[in-house]
Amino acid sequence: MAKTETLEDFYRQKLNGMPDDLQKDLGHFNAFRIENHGLVSKPPIQYTRREYYKISLIRGHFVYHYADKSLEVSGTTLLFFNPQVPYTFEQLGDTRSGYFCIFKGEFFNEYMRNSLRDLPMYVAGGKPAYKLNEEQDKNVSQIYEKILEELGSDYRFKYELIRNYIMEIVHNALKMQPSEKLYQNIDANTRLTAVFSELLERQFPIESPSQQFALRSAKDFAEQLNVHVNHLNRAIKLSTGKTTTGQISERLAREAKALLKHTHWNIAEISYSLGFEEPAHFNHFFKRHTSMTPSAFRG
């Protein structure tokens, strides 16, 4: 897997240059028409994580590879990508159009009651892709045109307005799933589970064979969170219906699949990076969770 793509990498690859204020603007935001700045190409761009968020409205026929999954879509699709999950696109048709915007988490941090990563499309295992009908395409496209207009203006509060436009796009997506709520009243068990999930996700991505996943057990996480392990186990079980160990193992298995599929590291290197003392232990773990050996999964 390639190293994480920075904003500097993006501008060098797409625009052959960087904005003058990029280094000063910690919460950098920009938006583009895909026709002017290609988002997908042949051959597919390198599978990697980015250090920035991206929201894309894409018209066309393509496959996007996201974490350890691949999904073929056609028509108009609204896609939400976050820095924790690697992805790439593979264009299948001859035409593409639409919009995309990129921004750092800091662009929203001071203006949101909750973190961006609390949004349903950005939580671990959340739905990142939303297929749009003609009317929905028109509505989101109009929002993007407003964003582009504001970017070119000298309006003093344009970025405050742009944040509102981005949240309008988010809500357009969430309205397609009316049973989900953006903000929910949560109890202590749910809060502890959310903090645990945040700490778990913070252990990833694994980006080199020398990096090692350190927090392997419920006890490890309980010590980090300053709670008794029984309290943590009970809170997670009540909130999710799953055990703490089960949650950790599921996340490890997802990362193992991604590393096997998208790196050239050998099994021993992947085993070490995921915190297993011996490759045999990793083989047993992986087969228990996938019914396949790592070598068979890699093919």
Protein backbone atom coordinates (compact mmCIF):
# COMPACT_ATOMS: atom_id res chain seq x y z
CA MET A 1 0.00 0.00 0.00
CA ALA A 2 1.33 3.43 -0.88
CA LYS A 3 1.99 6.08 1.75
CA THR A 4 -0.84 8.37 2.77
CA GLU A 5 -1.52 11.00 0.11
CA THR A 6 -1.16 14.55 1.43
CA LEU A 7 -2.81 17.70 0.15
CA GLU A 8 0.54 18.66 -1.34
CA ASP A 9 0.60 15.35 -3.25
CA PHE A 10 -2.93 15.99 -4.52
CA TYR A 11 -2.12 19.45 -5.87
CA ARG A 12 1.13 18.32 -7.46
CA GLN A 13 -0.54 15.38 -9.21
CA LYS A 14 -3.77 17.11 -10.27
CA LEU A 15 -2.87 20.77 -10.73
CA ASN A 16 0.91 20.82 -11.07
CA GLY A 17 1.13 23.40 -8.31
CA MET A 18 -0.10 24.37 -4.86
CA PRO A 19 -2.18 27.25 -3.48
CA ASP A 20 -0.07 29.98 -1.89
CA ASP A 21 -1.89 29.70 1.44
CA LEU A 22 -1.90 25.89 1.73
CA GLN A 23 0.64 25.75 4.56
CA LYS A 24 -1.13 28.48 6.53
CA ASP A 25 -4.63 27.09 6.06
CA LEU A 26 -4.85 24.13 8.46
CA GLY A 27 -8.49 23.48 7.61
CA HIS A 28 -7.96 23.82 3.87
CA PHE A 29 -11.04 23.56 1.62
CA ASN A 30 -11.38 23.48 -2.15
CA ALA A 31 -13.90 22.28 -4.73
CA PHE A 32 -13.70 21.31 -8.40
CA ARG A 33 -15.69 20.23 -11.43
CA ILE A 34 -14.54 16.76 -12.44
CA GLU A 35 -14.58 17.76 -16.11
CA ASN A 36 -11.87 20.31 -15.34
CA HIS A 37 -9.82 18.22 -12.92
CA GLY A 38 -10.21 14.49 -13.50
CA LEU A 39 -11.06 12.45 -10.42
CA VAL A 40 -10.86 9.00 -11.98
CA SER A 41 -8.64 7.75 -14.73
CA LYS A 42 -7.26 4.75 -16.56
CA PRO A 43 -5.24 3.02 -15.24
CA PRO A 44 -6.78 3.42 -11.76
CA ILE A 45 -5.03 5.76 -9.38
CA GLN A 46 -3.01 4.15 -6.63
CA TYR A 47 -4.90 2.52 -3.78
CA THR A 48 -4.05 4.59 -0.72
CA ARG A 49 -5.33 6.59 2.18
CA ARG A 50 -5.55 10.38 2.01
CA GLU A 51 -4.92 12.82 4.85
CA TYR A 52 -8.03 14.78 3.87
CA TYR A 53 -11.77 14.26 3.51
CA LYS A 54 -13.41 14.13 0.09
CA ILE A 55 -17.06 14.36 -0.98
CA SER A 56 -17.71 13.51 -4.62
CA LEU A 57 -20.72 13.60 -6.90
CA ILE A 58 -19.76 11.37 -9.85
CA ARG A 59 -21.72 10.60 -13.00
CA GLY A 60 -20.49 7.60 -14.93
CA HIS A 61 -19.74 3.89 -14.75
CA PHE A 62 -16.91 2.81 -12.48
CA VAL A 63 -15.75 0.52 -9.71
CA TYR A 64 -14.52 1.98 -6.47
CA HIS A 65 -12.39 -0.08 -4.14
CA TYR A 66 -12.97 0.94 -0.52
CA ALA A 67 -11.17 -0.72 2.41
CA ASP A 68 -11.41 -4.45 1.57
CA LYS A 69 -14.57 -4.09 -0.58
CA SER A 70 -15.25 -3.30 -4.24
CA LEU A 71 -18.49 -1.83 -5.59
CA GLU A 72 -19.55 -1.27 -9.19
CA VAL A 73 -21.85 1.71 -9.70
CA SER A 74 -23.32 3.58 -12.65
CA GLY A 75 -25.39 6.73 -13.02
CA THR A 76 -24.93 9.42 -10.37
CA THR A 77 -23.37 8.53 -7.04
CA LEU A 78 -22.58 10.66 -3.99
CA LEU A 79 -19.45 9.38 -2.23
CA PHE A 80 -18.01 10.26 1.18
CA PHE A 81 -14.38 9.34 1.82
CA ASN A 82 -12.46 9.86 5.04
CA PRO A 83 -8.77 9.73 5.94
CA GLN A 84 -9.04 6.42 7.81
CA VAL A 85 -10.02 4.26 4.83
CA PRO A 86 -7.94 3.62 1.69
CA TYR A 87 -9.68 3.75 -1.69
CA THR A 88 -9.23 4.05 -5.43
CA PHE A 89 -11.40 4.35 -8.55
CA GLU A 90 -11.45 2.31 -11.74
CA GLN A 91 -13.35 3.93 -14.59
CA LEU A 92 -15.35 1.53 -16.78
CA GLY A 93 -17.18 3.92 -19.12
CA ASP A 94 -15.89 6.59 -21.47
CA THR A 95 -17.53 9.62 -19.86
CA ARG A 96 -17.44 11.16 -16.42
CA SER A 97 -18.70 14.37 -14.92
CA GLY A 98 -19.66 15.85 -11.59
CA TYR A 99 -18.00 17.62 -8.68
CA PHE A 100 -15.79 16.97 -5.70
CA CYS A 101 -14.49 18.90 -2.72
CA ILE A 102 -11.56 18.24 -0.41
CA PHE A 103 -10.96 19.53 3.11
CA LYS A 104 -9.08 18.81 6.32
CA GLY A 105 -10.98 17.90 9.47
CA GLU A 106 -9.94 21.22 10.99
CA PHE A 107 -12.21 22.99 8.50
CA PHE A 108 -15.16 21.81 10.61
CA ASN A 109 -13.73 21.05 14.04
CA GLU A 110 -14.41 24.44 15.62
CA TYR A 111 -17.85 24.75 14.08
CA MET A 112 -19.46 21.38 14.88
CA ARG A 113 -20.83 20.15 18.16
CA ASN A 114 -19.84 16.63 17.11
CA SER A 115 -16.87 15.33 15.17
CA LEU A 116 -17.10 14.68 11.44
CA ARG A 117 -16.32 11.07 12.25
CA ASP A 118 -19.60 10.85 14.20
CA LEU A 119 -21.57 11.30 10.98
CA PRO A 120 -23.16 8.03 9.79
CA MET A 121 -21.25 8.01 6.50
CA TYR A 122 -17.92 8.36 8.31
CA VAL A 123 -18.29 5.97 11.24
CA ALA A 124 -16.54 2.60 11.06
CA GLY A 125 -18.61 0.36 8.81
CA GLY A 126 -20.80 3.29 7.71
CA LYS A 127 -22.33 3.64 4.25
CA PRO A 128 -20.08 5.83 2.07
CA ALA A 129 -22.01 5.67 -1.24
CA TYR A 130 -25.47 7.02 -2.09
CA LYS A 131 -27.06 6.53 -5.50
CA LEU A 132 -28.92 9.67 -6.66
CA ASN A 133 -31.96 9.96 -8.88
CA GLU A 134 -32.34 12.79 -11.38
CA GLU A 135 -33.92 15.22 -8.90
CA GLN A 136 -31.35 14.47 -6.20
CA ASP A 137 -28.55 14.92 -8.72
CA LYS A 138 -29.96 18.32 -9.64
CA ASN A 139 -30.25 19.41 -6.00
CA VAL A 140 -26.69 18.41 -5.01
CA SER A 141 -25.25 19.82 -8.25
CA GLN A 142 -26.85 23.18 -7.48
CA ILE A 143 -25.22 23.15 -4.04
CA TYR A 144 -21.83 22.47 -5.61
CA GLU A 145 -22.33 25.34 -8.04
CA LYS A 146 -23.06 27.64 -5.08
CA ILE A 147 -19.87 26.41 -3.39
CA LEU A 148 -17.81 27.14 -6.51
CA GLU A 149 -19.38 30.58 -6.81
CA GLU A 150 -18.51 31.41 -3.19
CA LEU A 151 -14.93 30.19 -3.60
CA GLY A 152 -14.49 32.73 -6.37
CA SER A 153 -16.04 35.56 -4.39
CA ASP A 154 -14.51 38.04 -1.96
CA TYR A 155 -17.35 37.64 0.54
CA ARG A 156 -15.87 37.93 4.01
CA PHE A 157 -17.83 35.01 5.49
CA LYS A 158 -17.76 32.73 2.46
CA TYR A 159 -16.26 29.76 4.30
CA GLU A 160 -18.97 29.88 6.96
CA LEU A 161 -21.49 29.74 4.13
CA ILE A 162 -19.61 26.89 2.44
CA ARG A 163 -19.71 24.87 5.67
CA ASN A 164 -23.47 25.21 5.61
CA TYR A 165 -23.56 24.04 1.99
CA ILE A 166 -21.45 20.97 2.84
CA MET A 167 -23.78 20.09 5.70
CA GLU A 168 -26.71 20.49 3.28
CA ILE A 169 -25.07 17.85 1.06
CA VAL A 170 -24.61 15.62 4.12
CA HIS A 171 -28.27 15.98 5.04
CA ASN A 172 -29.36 15.27 1.48
CA ALA A 173 -27.59 11.92 1.85
CA LEU A 174 -28.92 11.20 5.33
CA LYS A 175 -32.50 11.86 4.22
CA MET A 176 -32.16 8.83 1.96
CA GLN A 177 -32.01 6.78 5.19
CA PRO A 178 -34.76 8.30 7.34
CA SER A 179 -34.27 5.79 10.16
CA GLU A 180 -30.81 7.18 10.89
CA LYS A 181 -30.44 10.28 13.04
CA LEU A 182 -27.53 12.66 12.75
CA TYR A 183 -27.53 13.53 16.44
CA GLN A 184 -28.89 11.17 19.05
CA ASN A 185 -29.27 11.42 22.79
CA ILE A 186 -26.77 8.90 24.10
CA ASP A 187 -26.36 7.35 27.50
CA ALA A 188 -23.18 6.58 29.40
CA ASN A 189 -22.80 3.11 27.86
CA THR A 190 -23.05 4.52 24.35
CA ARG A 191 -20.58 7.30 25.17
CA LEU A 192 -18.05 4.79 26.50
CA THR A 193 -18.56 2.61 23.43
CA ALA A 194 -17.99 5.60 21.16
CA VAL A 195 -14.76 6.48 22.98
CA PHE A 196 -13.61 2.86 22.72
CA SER A 197 -14.40 2.81 18.99
CA GLU A 198 -12.47 6.05 18.50
CA LEU A 199 -9.45 4.62 20.31
CA LEU A 200 -9.67 1.41 18.30
CA GLU A 201 -9.79 3.29 14.99
CA ARG A 202 -6.86 5.44 16.08
CA GLN A 203 -4.63 2.34 15.92
CA PHE A 204 -5.10 2.30 12.14
CA PRO A 205 -4.12 2.55 9.35
CA ILE A 206 -1.17 0.18 9.39
CA GLU A 207 1.11 1.80 6.83
CA SER A 208 4.42 -0.05 7.15
CA PRO A 209 5.54 -3.54 8.23
CA SER A 210 7.45 -1.97 11.14
CA GLN A 211 4.28 -0.40 12.57
CA GLN A 212 2.55 -2.60 15.13
CA PHE A 213 -1.00 -2.73 16.49
CA ALA A 214 -0.46 -2.43 20.24
CA LEU A 215 -3.84 -2.56 22.01
CA ARG A 216 -4.86 -6.18 21.54
CA SER A 217 -7.15 -6.96 24.48
CA ALA A 218 -10.14 -5.55 26.31
CA LYS A 219 -7.84 -5.03 29.32
CA ASP A 220 -5.47 -2.92 27.20
CA PHE A 221 -8.32 -0.63 26.14
CA ALA A 222 -9.81 -0.44 29.64
CA GLU A 223 -6.46 0.74 31.01
CA GLN A 224 -6.20 3.41 28.32
CA LEU A 225 -9.77 4.57 29.05
CA ASN A 226 -9.27 4.43 32.85
CA VAL A 227 -12.25 2.15 33.45
CA HIS A 228 -12.57 -1.37 34.85
CA VAL A 229 -12.48 -3.99 32.12
CA ASN A 230 -15.80 -5.46 33.29
CA HIS A 231 -17.45 -2.03 32.98
CA LEU A 232 -16.09 -1.61 29.45
CA ASN A 233 -17.22 -5.10 28.42
CA ARG A 234 -20.71 -4.54 29.82
CA ALA A 235 -21.10 -1.12 28.14
CA ILE A 236 -20.04 -2.40 24.74
CA LYS A 237 -22.24 -5.49 24.99
CA LEU A 238 -25.30 -3.40 25.94
CA SER A 239 -24.64 -0.80 23.20
CA THR A 240 -23.68 -3.07 20.31
CA GLY A 241 -24.70 -6.61 21.21
CA LYS A 242 -21.08 -7.65 20.63
CA THR A 243 -18.19 -8.34 22.97
CA THR A 244 -15.16 -6.06 23.28
CA THR A 245 -12.92 -8.86 22.03
CA GLY A 246 -15.29 -9.41 19.11
CA GLN A 247 -15.12 -5.74 18.12
CA ILE A 248 -11.32 -5.74 18.25
CA SER A 249 -11.10 -8.97 16.26
CA GLU A 250 -13.50 -7.74 13.58
CA ARG A 251 -11.45 -4.58 13.08
CA LEU A 252 -8.22 -6.56 12.96
CA ALA A 253 -9.73 -8.92 10.39
CA ARG A 254 -10.80 -5.99 8.17
CA GLU A 255 -7.30 -4.52 8.30
CA ALA A 256 -5.77 -7.92 7.60
CA LYS A 257 -7.92 -8.26 4.47
CA ALA A 258 -6.89 -4.80 3.27
CA LEU A 259 -3.21 -5.51 3.84
CA LEU A 260 -3.38 -8.89 2.12
CA LYS A 261 -5.26 -7.47 -0.85
CA HIS A 262 -3.44 -4.19 -1.35
CA THR A 263 0.17 -4.65 -0.21
CA HIS A 264 3.04 -6.86 -1.24
CA TRP A 265 4.08 -7.53 2.35
CA ASN A 266 4.66 -11.19 3.16
CA ILE A 267 2.48 -13.04 5.66
CA ALA A 268 5.06 -12.76 8.42
CA GLU A 269 5.27 -8.96 8.00
CA ILE A 270 1.49 -8.59 8.09
CA SER A 271 1.32 -10.90 11.09
CA TYR A 272 3.86 -8.77 12.99
CA SER A 273 2.20 -5.47 12.09
CA LEU A 274 -1.12 -6.73 13.46
CA GLY A 275 0.48 -7.73 16.77
CA PHE A 276 0.73 -11.51 16.38
CA GLU A 277 3.85 -13.10 17.85
CA GLU A 278 3.93 -15.90 15.28
CA PRO A 279 2.56 -16.16 11.70
CA ALA A 280 0.86 -19.40 12.76
CA HIS A 281 -1.22 -17.45 15.30
CA PHE A 282 -2.22 -14.99 12.58
CA ASN A 283 -3.12 -17.84 10.21
CA HIS A 284 -5.36 -19.38 12.88
CA PHE A 285 -6.99 -16.01 13.65
CA PHE A 286 -7.61 -15.18 9.99
CA LYS A 287 -9.06 -18.59 9.17
CA ARG A 288 -11.37 -18.42 12.18
CA HIS A 289 -12.79 -15.10 10.98
CA THR A 290 -12.88 -15.66 7.22
CA SER A 291 -12.87 -19.47 6.77
CA MET A 292 -9.80 -18.97 4.54
CA THR A 293 -6.08 -18.96 5.12
CA PRO A 294 -4.26 -15.68 4.44
CA SER A 295 -2.52 -17.24 1.44
CA ALA A 296 -5.81 -18.47 -0.03
CA PHE A 297 -7.46 -15.06 0.47
CA ARG A 298 -4.57 -13.33 -1.26
CA GLY A 299 -4.89 -15.81 -4.12
